[in-house]
C-alpha atoms as a PDB file:
ATOM      1  CA  UNK A   1       1.779  22.364   7.102  1.00  0.00           C
ATOM      2  CA  UNK A   2       4.998  23.091   5.569  1.00  0.00           C
ATOM      3  CA  UNK A   3       7.095  20.798   3.160  1.00  0.00           C
ATOM      4  CA  UNK A   4       9.500  19.557   5.936  1.00  0.00           C
ATOM      5  CA  UNK A   5       6.564  18.704   8.305  1.00  0.00           C
ATOM      6  CA  UNK A   6       4.627  16.911   5.244  1.00  0.00           C
ATOM      7  CA  UNK A   7       7.778  14.851   4.722  1.00  0.00           C
ATOM      8  CA  UNK A   8       8.110  13.913   8.175  1.00  0.00           C
ATOM      9  CA  UNK A   9       4.499  12.955   8.323  1.00  0.00           C
ATOM     10  CA  UNK A  10       4.971  10.608   5.162  1.00  0.00           C
ATOM     11  CA  UNK A  11       7.967   9.135   6.752  1.00  0.00           C
ATOM     12  CA  UNK A  12       5.857   8.385   9.952  1.00  0.00           C
ATOM     13  CA  UNK A  13       3.162   6.730   7.699  1.00  0.00           C
ATOM     14  CA  UNK A  14       5.796   4.555   5.967  1.00  0.00           C
ATOM     15  CA  UNK A  15       7.129   3.459   9.246  1.00  0.00           C
ATOM     16  CA  UNK A  16       3.470   2.665  10.431  1.00  0.00           C
ATOM     17  CA  UNK A  17       2.793   0.744   7.307  1.00  0.00           C
ATOM     18  CA  UNK A  18       5.922  -1.185   7.627  1.00  0.00           C
ATOM     19  CA  UNK A  19       5.340  -2.078  10.920  1.00  0.00           C
ATOM     20  CA  UNK A  20       1.801  -3.234  10.060  1.00  0.00           C
ATOM     21  CA  UNK A  21       3.081  -6.320   8.300  1.00  0.00           C
ATOM     22  CA  UNK A  22       3.721  -7.703  11.498  1.00  0.00           C
ATOM     23  CA  UNK A  23       0.152  -7.673  12.960  1.00  0.00           C
ATOM     24  CA  UNK A  24      -1.077  -8.428   9.516  1.00  0.00           C
ATOM     25  CA  UNK A  25       0.808 -11.667   9.571  1.00  0.00           C
ATOM     26  CA  UNK A  26       0.483 -12.918  13.248  1.00  0.00           C
ATOM     27  CA  UNK A  27      -3.528 -12.059  13.137  1.00  0.00           C
ATOM     28  CA  UNK A  28      -3.772 -14.922  10.567  1.00  0.00           C
ATOM     29  CA  UNK A  29      -3.072 -17.380  13.787  1.00  0.00           C
ATOM     30  CA  UNK A  30      -6.612 -16.813  14.716  1.00  0.00           C
ATOM     31  CA  UNK A  31      -8.567 -15.264  12.069  1.00  0.00           C
ATOM     32  CA  UNK A  32      -8.972 -15.673   8.299  1.00  0.00           C
ATOM     33  CA  UNK A  33      -7.822 -12.793   5.652  1.00  0.00           C
ATOM     34  CA  UNK A  34     -11.431 -11.644   5.058  1.00  0.00           C
ATOM     35  CA  UNK A  35     -12.362 -11.440   8.645  1.00  0.00           C
ATOM     36  CA  UNK A  36      -9.029  -9.483   9.585  1.00  0.00           C
ATOM     37  CA  UNK A  37      -9.448  -7.145   6.636  1.00  0.00           C
ATOM     38  CA  UNK A  38     -13.228  -6.512   7.368  1.00  0.00           C
ATOM     39  CA  UNK A  39     -12.616  -6.013  11.356  1.00  0.00           C
ATOM     40  CA  UNK A  40      -9.749  -3.567  10.681  1.00  0.00           C
ATOM     41  CA  UNK A  41     -11.263  -1.465   8.019  1.00  0.00           C
ATOM     42  CA  UNK A  42     -14.578  -1.044   9.973  1.00  0.00           C
ATOM     43  CA  UNK A  43     -12.549   0.310  12.789  1.00  0.00           C
ATOM     44  CA  UNK A  44     -10.746   2.412  10.321  1.00  0.00           C
ATOM     45  CA  UNK A  45     -14.046   3.917   9.348  1.00  0.00           C
ATOM     46  CA  UNK A  46     -14.823   4.645  12.893  1.00  0.00           C
ATOM     47  CA  UNK A  47     -11.717   6.611  13.460  1.00  0.00           C
ATOM     48  CA  UNK A  48     -11.763   8.549  10.215  1.00  0.00           C
ATOM     49  CA  UNK A  49     -15.393   9.393  10.236  1.00  0.00           C
ATOM     50  CA  UNK A  50     -14.792  12.654  12.419  1.00  0.00           C
ATOM     51  CA  UNK A  51     -12.483  14.090   9.951  1.00  0.00           C
ATOM     52  CA  UNK A  52     -14.673  13.320   7.064  1.00  0.00           C
ATOM     53  CA  UNK A  53     -17.578  15.230   8.581  1.00  0.00           C
ATOM     54  CA  UNK A  54     -15.037  18.310   8.899  1.00  0.00           C
ATOM     55  CA  UNK A  55     -14.008  17.931   5.206  1.00  0.00           C
ATOM     56  CA  UNK A  56     -17.624  17.501   4.060  1.00  0.00           C
ATOM     57  CA  UNK A  57     -18.581  20.870   5.701  1.00  0.00           C
ATOM     58  CA  UNK A  58     -15.760  22.806   3.787  1.00  0.00           C
ATOM     59  CA  UNK A  59     -16.328  21.175   0.425  1.00  0.00           C
ATOM     60  CA  UNK A  60     -16.989  23.901  -2.283  1.00  0.00           C
ATOM     61  CA  UNK A  61     -19.414  21.694  -4.415  1.00  0.00           C
ATOM     62  CA  UNK A  62     -21.280  18.459  -4.069  1.00  0.00           C
ATOM     63  CA  UNK A  63     -19.809  15.266  -5.501  1.00  0.00           C
ATOM     64  CA  UNK A  64     -20.630  14.735  -9.450  1.00  0.00           C
ATOM     65  CA  UNK A  65     -21.595  11.336 -10.995  1.00  0.00           C
ATOM     66  CA  UNK A  66     -18.223  11.145 -12.535  1.00  0.00           C
ATOM     67  CA  UNK A  67     -16.443  11.873  -9.500  1.00  0.00           C
ATOM     68  CA  UNK A  68     -18.171   8.976  -7.731  1.00  0.00           C
ATOM     69  CA  UNK A  69     -17.389   6.639 -10.488  1.00  0.00           C
ATOM     70  CA  UNK A  70     -13.718   7.618 -10.154  1.00  0.00           C
ATOM     71  CA  UNK A  71     -13.754   7.214  -6.334  1.00  0.00           C
ATOM     72  CA  UNK A  72     -15.615   3.892  -6.988  1.00  0.00           C
ATOM     73  CA  UNK A  73     -12.903   2.593  -9.295  1.00  0.00           C
ATOM     74  CA  UNK A  74     -10.089   3.570  -6.792  1.00  0.00           C
ATOM     75  CA  UNK A  75     -11.928   1.736  -4.215  1.00  0.00           C
ATOM     76  CA  UNK A  76     -12.285  -1.323  -6.210  1.00  0.00           C
ATOM     77  CA  UNK A  77      -8.493  -1.598  -7.030  1.00  0.00           C
ATOM     78  CA  UNK A  78      -7.829  -0.916  -3.351  1.00  0.00           C
ATOM     79  CA  UNK A  79      -9.925  -3.927  -2.191  1.00  0.00           C
ATOM     80  CA  UNK A  80      -8.384  -6.450  -4.594  1.00  0.00           C
ATOM     81  CA  UNK A  81      -4.749  -5.111  -3.655  1.00  0.00           C
ATOM     82  CA  UNK A  82      -5.558  -5.442   0.164  1.00  0.00           C
ATOM     83  CA  UNK A  83      -6.983  -9.097  -0.317  1.00  0.00           C
ATOM     84  CA  UNK A  84      -3.963 -10.057  -2.332  1.00  0.00           C
ATOM     85  CA  UNK A  85      -1.529  -8.604   0.346  1.00  0.00           C
ATOM     86  CA  UNK A  86      -3.241 -10.135   3.294  1.00  0.00           C
ATOM     87  CA  UNK A  87      -3.847 -13.493   1.765  1.00  0.00           C
ATOM     88  CA  UNK A  88      -0.236 -13.595   0.759  1.00  0.00           C
ATOM     89  CA  UNK A  89       0.929 -13.274   4.465  1.00  0.00           C
ATOM     90  CA  UNK A  90      -0.363 -16.865   5.074  1.00  0.00           C
ATOM     91  CA  UNK A  91       2.657 -18.222   3.269  1.00  0.00           C
ATOM     92  CA  UNK A  92       5.264 -15.577   2.911  1.00  0.00           C
ATOM     93  CA  UNK A  93       7.544 -13.615   5.488  1.00  0.00           C
ATOM     94  CA  UNK A  94       7.033 -10.049   6.636  1.00  0.00           C
ATOM     95  CA  UNK A  95      10.275  -8.882   4.771  1.00  0.00           C
ATOM     96  CA  UNK A  96       9.468 -10.434   1.582  1.00  0.00           C
ATOM     97  CA  UNK A  97       6.059  -8.942   1.906  1.00  0.00           C
ATOM     98  CA  UNK A  98       7.414  -5.375   2.177  1.00  0.00           C
ATOM     99  CA  UNK A  99      10.077  -5.526  -0.073  1.00  0.00           C
ATOM    100  CA  UNK A 100       7.966  -6.870  -2.966  1.00  0.00           C
ATOM    101  CA  UNK A 101       5.021  -4.689  -2.171  1.00  0.00           C
ATOM    102  CA  UNK A 102       7.454  -1.839  -2.624  1.00  0.00           C
ATOM    103  CA  UNK A 103       7.819  -2.628  -6.476  1.00  0.00           C
ATOM    104  CA  UNK A 104       4.568  -0.379  -6.761  1.00  0.00           C
ATOM    105  CA  UNK A 105       6.713   2.766  -6.807  1.00  0.00           C
ATOM    106  CA  UNK A 106       8.787   0.858  -9.760  1.00  0.00           C
ATOM    107  CA  UNK A 107       5.426  -0.110 -11.646  1.00  0.00           C
ATOM    108  CA  UNK A 108       3.830   3.147 -11.083  1.00  0.00           C
ATOM    109  CA  UNK A 109       5.410   5.096 -14.372  1.00  0.00           C
ATOM    110  CA  UNK A 110       4.040   1.748 -16.468  1.00  0.00           C
ATOM    111  CA  UNK A 111       0.838   2.037 -15.126  1.00  0.00           C
ATOM    112  CA  UNK A 112       0.727   6.040 -15.765  1.00  0.00           C
ATOM    113  CA  UNK A 113       1.780   5.056 -19.240  1.00  0.00           C
ATOM    114  CA  UNK A 114      -1.078   2.694 -19.620  1.00  0.00           C
ATOM    115  CA  UNK A 115      -3.800   4.795 -18.040  1.00  0.00           C
ATOM    116  CA  UNK A 116      -2.935   8.467 -18.879  1.00  0.00           C
ATOM    117  CA  UNK A 117      -0.455   7.984 -21.705  1.00  0.00           C
ATOM    118  CA  UNK A 118       2.568   9.436 -19.857  1.00  0.00           C
ATOM    119  CA  UNK A 119       5.708   7.837 -21.128  1.00  0.00           C
ATOM    120  CA  UNK A 120       8.202   7.102 -18.664  1.00  0.00           C
ATOM    121  CA  UNK A 121      11.754   8.233 -18.717  1.00  0.00           C
ATOM    122  CA  UNK A 122      14.776   5.871 -19.656  1.00  0.00           C
ATOM    123  CA  UNK A 123      15.690   5.564 -16.086  1.00  0.00           C
ATOM    124  CA  UNK A 124      12.546   3.147 -15.640  1.00  0.00           C
ATOM    125  CA  UNK A 125      13.904   0.646 -17.898  1.00  0.00           C
ATOM    126  CA  UNK A 126      17.147  -0.387 -16.027  1.00  0.00           C
ATOM    127  CA  UNK A 127      15.373   0.138 -12.609  1.00  0.00           C
ATOM    128  CA  UNK A 128      12.450  -2.237 -13.792  1.00  0.00           C
ATOM    129  CA  UNK A 129      15.367  -4.976 -14.690  1.00  0.00           C
ATOM    130  CA  UNK A 130      16.852  -4.266 -11.297  1.00  0.00           C
ATOM    131  CA  UNK A 131      13.686  -4.611  -9.379  1.00  0.00           C
ATOM    132  CA  UNK A 132      12.650  -7.978 -11.050  1.00  0.00           C
ATOM    133  CA  UNK A 133      16.214  -9.331 -10.352  1.00  0.00           C
ATOM    134  CA  UNK A 134      15.773  -8.539  -6.790  1.00  0.00           C
ATOM    135  CA  UNK A 135      12.437 -10.194  -6.539  1.00  0.00           C
ATOM    136  CA  UNK A 136      13.926 -13.248  -8.011  1.00  0.00           C
ATOM    137  CA  UNK A 137      16.784 -13.015  -5.463  1.00  0.00           C
ATOM    138  CA  UNK A 138      14.176 -12.740  -2.666  1.00  0.00           C
ATOM    139  CA  UNK A 139      12.612 -16.052  -3.890  1.00  0.00           C
ATOM    140  CA  UNK A 140      15.852 -17.788  -3.586  1.00  0.00           C
ATOM    141  CA  UNK A 141      17.655 -17.255  -6.858  1.00  0.00           C
ATOM    142  CA  UNK A 142      19.335 -20.480  -8.163  1.00  0.00           C
ATOM    143  CA  UNK A 143      19.633 -22.071  -5.058  1.00  0.00           C
ATOM    144  CA  UNK A 144      16.210 -21.533  -3.702  1.00  0.00           C
ATOM    145  CA  UNK A 145      13.025 -23.274  -4.218  1.00  0.00           C
ATOM    146  CA  UNK A 146      11.333 -20.312  -6.256  1.00  0.00           C
ATOM    147  CA  UNK A 147       8.735 -17.956  -5.173  1.00  0.00           C
ATOM    148  CA  UNK A 148       6.101 -19.164  -2.696  1.00  0.00           C
ATOM    149  CA  UNK A 149       2.454 -18.570  -3.640  1.00  0.00           C
ATOM    150  CA  UNK A 150       2.525 -15.360  -1.241  1.00  0.00           C
ATOM    151  CA  UNK A 151       5.374 -13.931  -3.234  1.00  0.00           C
ATOM    152  CA  UNK A 152       3.327 -14.254  -6.394  1.00  0.00           C
ATOM    153  CA  UNK A 153       0.178 -12.705  -4.769  1.00  0.00           C
ATOM    154  CA  UNK A 154       2.263  -9.833  -3.671  1.00  0.00           C
ATOM    155  CA  UNK A 155       3.671  -9.245  -7.277  1.00  0.00           C
ATOM    156  CA  UNK A 156       0.301  -8.917  -8.745  1.00  0.00           C
ATOM    157  CA  UNK A 157      -0.717  -6.675  -5.711  1.00  0.00           C
ATOM    158  CA  UNK A 158       2.148  -4.437  -6.371  1.00  0.00           C
ATOM    159  CA  UNK A 159       0.737  -3.876  -9.961  1.00  0.00           C
ATOM    160  CA  UNK A 160      -2.591  -2.973  -8.533  1.00  0.00           C
ATOM    161  CA  UNK A 161      -0.924  -0.576  -5.821  1.00  0.00           C
ATOM    162  CA  UNK A 162       0.616   1.123  -8.806  1.00  0.00           C
ATOM    163  CA  UNK A 163      -2.491   1.406 -10.550  1.00  0.00           C
ATOM    164  CA  UNK A 164      -4.199   2.778  -7.540  1.00  0.00           C
ATOM    165  CA  UNK A 165      -1.647   5.549  -7.164  1.00  0.00           C
ATOM    166  CA  UNK A 166      -2.134   6.727 -10.709  1.00  0.00           C
ATOM    167  CA  UNK A 167      -6.105   6.566 -10.360  1.00  0.00           C
ATOM    168  CA  UNK A 168      -5.879   8.386  -7.107  1.00  0.00           C
ATOM    169  CA  UNK A 169      -3.971  11.370  -9.081  1.00  0.00           C
ATOM    170  CA  UNK A 170      -6.347  11.253 -11.678  1.00  0.00           C
ATOM    171  CA  UNK A 171      -9.413  11.198  -9.238  1.00  0.00           C
ATOM    172  CA  UNK A 172      -8.100  13.980  -7.036  1.00  0.00           C
ATOM    173  CA  UNK A 173      -8.006  16.421 -10.240  1.00  0.00           C
ATOM    174  CA  UNK A 174     -11.632  15.973 -10.246  1.00  0.00           C
ATOM    175  CA  UNK A 175     -12.478  15.149  -6.647  1.00  0.00           C
ATOM    176  CA  UNK A 176     -10.874  17.447  -4.045  1.00  0.00           C
ATOM    177  CA  UNK A 177     -12.166  15.144  -1.266  1.00  0.00           C
ATOM    178  CA  UNK A 178      -9.289  13.165  -0.030  1.00  0.00           C
ATOM    179  CA  UNK A 179     -10.859  11.727   3.057  1.00  0.00           C
ATOM    180  CA  UNK A 180     -14.036  10.895   1.311  1.00  0.00           C
ATOM    181  CA  UNK A 181     -11.826   8.762  -1.097  1.00  0.00           C
ATOM    182  CA  UNK A 182     -10.081   7.164   2.132  1.00  0.00           C
ATOM    183  CA  UNK A 183     -13.693   6.361   3.531  1.00  0.00           C
ATOM    184  CA  UNK A 184     -15.265   4.867   0.366  1.00  0.00           C
ATOM    185  CA  UNK A 185     -11.975   2.623   0.081  1.00  0.00           C
ATOM    186  CA  UNK A 186     -12.404   1.406   3.793  1.00  0.00           C
ATOM    187  CA  UNK A 187     -16.169   0.847   2.872  1.00  0.00           C
ATOM    188  CA  UNK A 188     -15.655  -1.262  -0.197  1.00  0.00           C
ATOM    189  CA  UNK A 189     -13.173  -3.815   2.046  1.00  0.00           C
ATOM    190  CA  UNK A 190     -15.779  -3.809   5.026  1.00  0.00           C
ATOM    191  CA  UNK A 191     -18.467  -4.602   2.496  1.00  0.00           C
ATOM    192  CA  UNK A 192     -16.546  -7.026   0.271  1.00  0.00           C
ATOM    193  CA  UNK A 193     -14.401  -8.844   2.381  1.00  0.00           C
ATOM    194  CA  UNK A 194     -16.799  -8.755   5.313  1.00  0.00           C
ATOM    195  CA  UNK A 195     -19.600 -10.240   3.076  1.00  0.00           C
ATOM    196  CA  UNK A 196     -17.350 -13.224   1.941  1.00  0.00           C
ATOM    197  CA  UNK A 197     -16.264 -13.753   5.642  1.00  0.00           C
ATOM    198  CA  UNK A 198     -20.040 -13.876   6.893  1.00  0.00           C
ATOM    199  CA  UNK A 199     -20.811 -16.136   4.083  1.00  0.00           C
ATOM    200  CA  UNK A 200     -18.087 -18.686   4.031  1.00  0.00           C
ATOM    201  CA  UNK A 201     -15.774 -18.085   7.074  1.00  0.00           C
ATOM    202  CA  UNK A 202     -16.735 -19.237  10.351  1.00  0.00           C
ATOM    203  CA  UNK A 203     -15.569 -17.328  13.361  1.00  0.00           C
ATOM    204  CA  UNK A 204     -15.800 -17.108  17.087  1.00  0.00           C
ATOM    205  CA  UNK A 205     -15.597 -14.240  19.529  1.00  0.00           C
ATOM    206  CA  UNK A 206     -12.392 -15.952  21.168  1.00  0.00           C
ATOM    207  CA  UNK A 207     -10.670 -15.775  17.823  1.00  0.00           C
ATOM    208  CA  UNK A 208     -11.460 -11.785  17.506  1.00  0.00           C
ATOM    209  CA  UNK A 209     -10.180 -11.803  21.198  1.00  0.00           C
ATOM    210  CA  UNK A 210      -6.976 -13.403  20.326  1.00  0.00           C
ATOM    211  CA  UNK A 211      -6.422 -10.897  17.418  1.00  0.00           C
ATOM    212  CA  UNK A 212      -7.535  -7.821  19.136  1.00  0.00           C
ATOM    213  CA  UNK A 213      -4.091  -6.125  19.575  1.00  0.00           C
ATOM    214  CA  UNK A 214      -3.610  -6.925  15.724  1.00  0.00           C
ATOM    215  CA  UNK A 215      -6.924  -5.325  14.849  1.00  0.00           C
ATOM    216  CA  UNK A 216      -6.457  -2.271  16.905  1.00  0.00           C
ATOM    217  CA  UNK A 217      -2.978  -1.500  15.473  1.00  0.00           C
ATOM    218  CA  UNK A 218      -3.967  -2.048  11.742  1.00  0.00           C
ATOM    219  CA  UNK A 219      -7.348  -0.319  12.176  1.00  0.00           C
ATOM    220  CA  UNK A 220      -6.561   2.734  14.342  1.00  0.00           C
ATOM    221  CA  UNK A 221      -2.814   3.265  13.578  1.00  0.00           C
ATOM    222  CA  UNK A 222      -2.051   1.635  10.336  1.00  0.00           C
ATOM    223  CA  UNK A 223      -5.521   2.501   8.678  1.00  0.00           C
ATOM    224  CA  UNK A 224      -6.912   5.429  10.655  1.00  0.00           C
ATOM    225  CA  UNK A 225      -3.936   7.363  11.318  1.00  0.00           C
ATOM    226  CA  UNK A 226      -1.533   6.164   8.401  1.00  0.00           C
ATOM    227  CA  UNK A 227      -4.049   6.896   5.577  1.00  0.00           C
ATOM    228  CA  UNK A 228      -4.947  10.238   7.178  1.00  0.00           C
ATOM    229  CA  UNK A 229      -1.529  11.207   7.315  1.00  0.00           C
ATOM    230  CA  UNK A 230      -0.885  10.370   3.641  1.00  0.00           C
ATOM    231  CA  UNK A 231      -4.076  12.189   2.595  1.00  0.00           C
ATOM    232  CA  UNK A 232      -3.281  15.402   4.337  1.00  0.00           C
ATOM    233  CA  UNK A 233       0.668  15.389   3.848  1.00  0.00           C
ATOM    234  CA  UNK A 234       0.691  14.833   0.059  1.00  0.00           C
ATOM    235  CA  UNK A 235      -1.265  18.137  -0.458  1.00  0.00           C
ATOM    236  CA  UNK A 236       1.839  19.974   1.102  1.00  0.00           C
ATOM    237  CA  UNK A 237       4.978  18.051  -0.427  1.00  0.00           C
ATOM    238  CA  UNK A 238       6.247  17.108  -3.985  1.00  0.00           C
ATOM    239  CA  UNK A 239       5.333  13.747  -5.462  1.00  0.00           C
ATOM    240  CA  UNK A 240       8.832  12.670  -6.006  1.00  0.00           C
ATOM    241  CA  UNK A 241       9.535  13.466  -2.420  1.00  0.00           C
ATOM    242  CA  UNK A 242       6.824  11.436  -1.256  1.00  0.00           C
ATOM    243  CA  UNK A 243       7.512   8.555  -3.482  1.00  0.00           C
ATOM    244  CA  UNK A 244      11.045   8.260  -2.265  1.00  0.00           C
ATOM    245  CA  UNK A 245       9.939   8.558   1.483  1.00  0.00           C
ATOM    246  CA  UNK A 246       7.159   5.813   0.942  1.00  0.00           C
ATOM    247  CA  UNK A 247       9.954   3.549  -0.295  1.00  0.00           C
ATOM    248  CA  UNK A 248      11.213   3.127   3.261  1.00  0.00           C
ATOM    249  CA  UNK A 249       8.121   1.150   4.034  1.00  0.00           C
ATOM    250  CA  UNK A 250      10.100  -1.795   2.751  1.00  0.00           C
ATOM    251  CA  UNK A 251      13.135  -1.504   5.336  1.00  0.00           C
ATOM    252  CA  UNK A 252      10.739  -0.833   8.030  1.00  0.00           C
ATOM    253  CA  UNK A 253       8.852  -4.091   7.347  1.00  0.00           C
ATOM    254  CA  UNK A 254      12.305  -5.900   7.146  1.00  0.00           C
ATOM    255  CA  UNK A 255      13.337  -4.325  10.485  1.00  0.00           C
ATOM    256  CA  UNK A 256      10.237  -5.106  12.445  1.00  0.00           C
ATOM    257  CA  UNK A 257      10.065  -8.522  10.691  1.00  0.00           C
ATOM    258  CA  UNK A 258      13.635  -9.468  12.159  1.00  0.00           C
ATOM    259  CA  UNK A 259      13.095  -7.671  15.619  1.00  0.00           C
ATOM    260  CA  UNK A 260       9.532  -9.061  16.287  1.00  0.00           C
ATOM    261  CA  UNK A 261       9.109 -12.246  14.359  1.00  0.00           C
ATOM    262  CA  UNK A 262      12.726 -13.450  14.179  1.00  0.00           C
ATOM    263  CA  UNK A 263      12.735 -13.397  10.639  1.00  0.00           C
ATOM    264  CA  UNK A 264      16.196 -14.462   8.994  1.00  0.00           C
ATOM    265  CA  UNK A 265      17.206 -13.911   5.499  1.00  0.00           C
ATOM    266  CA  UNK A 266      19.885 -15.696   3.455  1.00  0.00           C
ATOM    267  CA  UNK A 267      22.642 -13.587   1.705  1.00  0.00           C
ATOM    268  CA  UNK A 268      20.786 -14.058  -1.460  1.00  0.00           C
ATOM    269  CA  UNK A 269      17.398 -12.501  -0.027  1.00  0.00           C
ATOM    270  CA  UNK A 270      19.536  -9.609   1.525  1.00  0.00           C
ATOM    271  CA  UNK A 271      20.891  -8.935  -1.828  1.00  0.00           C
ATOM    272  CA  UNK A 272      17.543  -8.920  -3.537  1.00  0.00           C
ATOM    273  CA  UNK A 273      16.067  -6.461  -1.023  1.00  0.00           C
ATOM    274  CA  UNK A 274      19.071  -4.232  -1.668  1.00  0.00           C
ATOM    275  CA  UNK A 275      18.306  -4.497  -5.428  1.00  0.00           C
ATOM    276  CA  UNK A 276      14.564  -3.735  -4.855  1.00  0.00           C
ATOM    277  CA  UNK A 277      15.244  -0.881  -2.812  1.00  0.00           C
ATOM    278  CA  UNK A 278      18.006   0.341  -5.160  1.00  0.00           C
ATOM    279  CA  UNK A 279      15.469   0.235  -7.953  1.00  0.00           C
ATOM    280  CA  UNK A 280      12.908   2.113  -6.104  1.00  0.00           C
ATOM    281  CA  UNK A 281      15.294   4.833  -5.603  1.00  0.00           C
ATOM    282  CA  UNK A 282      16.683   4.668  -9.120  1.00  0.00           C
ATOM    283  CA  UNK A 283      13.375   5.275 -10.755  1.00  0.00           C
ATOM    284  CA  UNK A 284      12.675   8.243  -8.666  1.00  0.00           C
ATOM    285  CA  UNK A 285      15.933   9.756  -8.660  1.00  0.00           C
ATOM    286  CA  UNK A 286      17.039   9.491 -12.282  1.00  0.00           C
ATOM    287  CA  UNK A 287      16.206  12.930 -14.109  1.00  0.00           C
ATOM    288  CA  UNK A 288      12.777  13.124 -15.416  1.00  0.00           C
ATOM    289  CA  UNK A 289      11.844  13.942 -19.065  1.00  0.00           C
ATOM    290  CA  UNK A 290      11.470  17.476 -19.633  1.00  0.00           C
ATOM    291  CA  UNK A 291       7.771  18.105 -20.406  1.00  0.00           C
ATOM    292  CA  UNK A 292       6.740  19.018 -24.000  1.00  0.00           C
ATOM    293  CA  UNK A 293       6.511  22.623 -24.727  1.00  0.00           C
ATOM    294  CA  UNK A 294       2.989  24.007 -24.986  1.00  0.00           C
ATOM    295  CA  UNK A 295       1.636  24.892 -28.704  1.00  0.00           C
END
């Protein structure tokens, strides 16, 4: 896979994930967030399993204890971030979900500074201010009623997605098993969300049947195909390219929300969406700090 093909694969993954906000929301009409998460990621595990077997056969060395600890940490963050995102869709719109979630790209340099002691360039600071201003406008600005609960959950979730990105980079330096990491993330949700759902959330087969199209899209297309495309493509392109392309998930979410759900935004919310998108691009396009010379 060359760089152009890899970037096109990442663009396809971003479109898949942007569209996934629609079934993630409509599934809440018949399923609880925990049941939907459990069912979609069990299906994703089934789809990914054959690729995992192929990867395991080609692995140069067995997993170490440190490798398993790093993978488990990433999976734990992935679990909480997904729960926050899925729960938020009970009260917020698909468009808001897409744009507020996209703030994870903005938060990533801060997460890297906290977790790996990498200092972000100057461009991060104006981008952060612009992104937060955009999120405020999405909540209605001075003329609105403020954030709904779902928007607040998405903000916390965006921080966790940023942490996950940093931890994935750190983990992959020690564990060259991207599909194993993906599968453990799926398993964490299947066990965590599924355990909660079985214990506390009643369910019926009719409810599962009503949400079956959403489960199939989220489990096979968004989970199985989307995350596999990401794991394969990011090995063949630059991180800066990938981050910019992933930022298109937000406008894809808005497009599908307007087209399929009839979402309508005020002028202030459109301005907020544009501000968030501009902030995401700014933090990626601003010239990076030159690395310190080796001693």
